[in-house]
Amino acid sequence: MGQIIQFVSKSERERIRLIQEARAIYDSIFPPNDPAGEPQDKTSMIRAANGDAGNLA
C-alpha cells in the first residue's frame, strides 16, 4: 500500500530514450578516458586542449 506510481508521459519516455541513445553513440565515438569516474586535473585538460600535453614547461 505504500507504493507510489508516477505517471511518465510518452513524450518524456521518448526524450529519455533519445538522450540515452545519444550518450551511447557519443561514448562509442569518444570513449571515456577514466572509467572509474574520477575527475581529471584541469591543468592537464587545458594542456591537452592547447596541443602541448607532453610539454610541462
C-alpha atoms as a PDB file:
ATOM      1  CA  MET A   1       0.000   0.000   0.000  1.00  0.00           C
ATOM      2  CA  GLY A   2       2.980   2.319   0.372  1.00  0.00           C
ATOM      3  CA  GLN A   3       3.836   2.284  -3.338  1.00  0.00           C
ATOM      4  CA  ILE A   4       3.738   5.493  -5.329  1.00  0.00           C
ATOM      5  CA  ILE A   5       3.098   5.222  -9.031  1.00  0.00           C
ATOM      6  CA  GLN A   6       4.450   8.098 -11.080  1.00  0.00           C
ATOM      7  CA  PHE A   7       2.952   8.893 -14.470  1.00  0.00           C
ATOM      8  CA  VAL A   8       5.536   9.394 -17.212  1.00  0.00           C
ATOM      9  CA  SER A   9       4.192  10.747 -20.476  1.00  0.00           C
ATOM     10  CA  LYS A  10       5.019   9.145 -23.788  1.00  0.00           C
ATOM     11  CA  SER A  11       6.972  12.216 -24.877  1.00  0.00           C
ATOM     12  CA  GLU A  12       9.062  12.119 -21.688  1.00  0.00           C
ATOM     13  CA  ARG A  13       9.861   8.419 -22.227  1.00  0.00           C
ATOM     14  CA  GLU A  14      10.886   9.197 -25.821  1.00  0.00           C
ATOM     15  CA  ARG A  15      13.058  12.109 -24.651  1.00  0.00           C
ATOM     16  CA  ILE A  16      14.822   9.846 -22.126  1.00  0.00           C
ATOM     17  CA  ARG A  17      15.316   7.148 -24.777  1.00  0.00           C
ATOM     18  CA  LEU A  18      16.819   9.630 -27.232  1.00  0.00           C
ATOM     19  CA  ILE A  19      19.181  11.016 -24.591  1.00  0.00           C
ATOM     20  CA  GLN A  20      20.363   7.501 -23.698  1.00  0.00           C
ATOM     21  CA  GLU A  21      20.853   6.647 -27.366  1.00  0.00           C
ATOM     22  CA  ALA A  22      22.799   9.855 -27.999  1.00  0.00           C
ATOM     23  CA  ARG A  23      25.006   9.185 -24.950  1.00  0.00           C
ATOM     24  CA  ALA A  24      25.732   5.654 -26.172  1.00  0.00           C
ATOM     25  CA  ILE A  25      26.714   6.967 -29.615  1.00  0.00           C
ATOM     26  CA  TYR A  26      28.884   9.706 -28.078  1.00  0.00           C
ATOM     27  CA  ASP A  27      30.627   7.209 -25.775  1.00  0.00           C
ATOM     28  CA  SER A  28      31.278   4.865 -28.705  1.00  0.00           C
ATOM     29  CA  ILE A  29      32.964   7.692 -30.639  1.00  0.00           C
ATOM     30  CA  PHE A  30      34.690   9.356 -27.667  1.00  0.00           C
ATOM     31  CA  PRO A  31      35.238   6.635 -25.059  1.00  0.00           C
ATOM     32  CA  PRO A  32      35.664   7.977 -21.553  1.00  0.00           C
ATOM     33  CA  ASN A  33      39.339   8.132 -20.541  1.00  0.00           C
ATOM     34  CA  ASP A  34      38.572   7.428 -16.912  1.00  0.00           C
ATOM     35  CA  PRO A  35      36.089   4.584 -16.478  1.00  0.00           C
ATOM     36  CA  ALA A  36      36.269   4.931 -12.677  1.00  0.00           C
ATOM     37  CA  GLY A  37      34.681   8.376 -12.951  1.00  0.00           C
ATOM     38  CA  GLU A  38      37.427  10.233 -11.112  1.00  0.00           C
ATOM     39  CA  PRO A  39      37.742  13.908 -12.077  1.00  0.00           C
ATOM     40  CA  GLN A  40      40.774  14.821 -14.166  1.00  0.00           C
ATOM     41  CA  ASP A  41      43.272  17.522 -13.322  1.00  0.00           C
ATOM     42  CA  LYS A  42      42.138  20.762 -15.006  1.00  0.00           C
ATOM     43  CA  THR A  43      45.668  21.808 -15.957  1.00  0.00           C
ATOM     44  CA  SER A  44      46.271  18.585 -17.890  1.00  0.00           C
ATOM     45  CA  MET A  45      42.966  19.071 -19.707  1.00  0.00           C
ATOM     46  CA  ILE A  46      43.957  22.644 -20.635  1.00  0.00           C
ATOM     47  CA  ARG A  47      47.361  21.482 -21.890  1.00  0.00           C
ATOM     48  CA  ALA A  48      45.708  18.779 -23.984  1.00  0.00           C
ATOM     49  CA  ALA A  49      43.258  21.312 -25.417  1.00  0.00           C
ATOM     50  CA  ASN A  50      46.142  23.640 -26.310  1.00  0.00           C
ATOM     51  CA  GLY A  51      48.024  20.821 -28.006  1.00  0.00           C
ATOM     52  CA  ASP A  52      51.012  20.729 -25.639  1.00  0.00           C
ATOM     53  CA  ALA A  53      50.068  17.793 -23.408  1.00  0.00           C
ATOM     54  CA  GLY A  54      53.635  16.472 -23.405  1.00  0.00           C
ATOM     55  CA  ASN A  55      55.268  19.829 -22.661  1.00  0.00           C
ATOM     56  CA  LEU A  56      55.244  20.585 -18.941  1.00  0.00           C
ATOM     57  CA  ALA A  57      57.299  23.801 -19.117  1.00  0.00           C
END
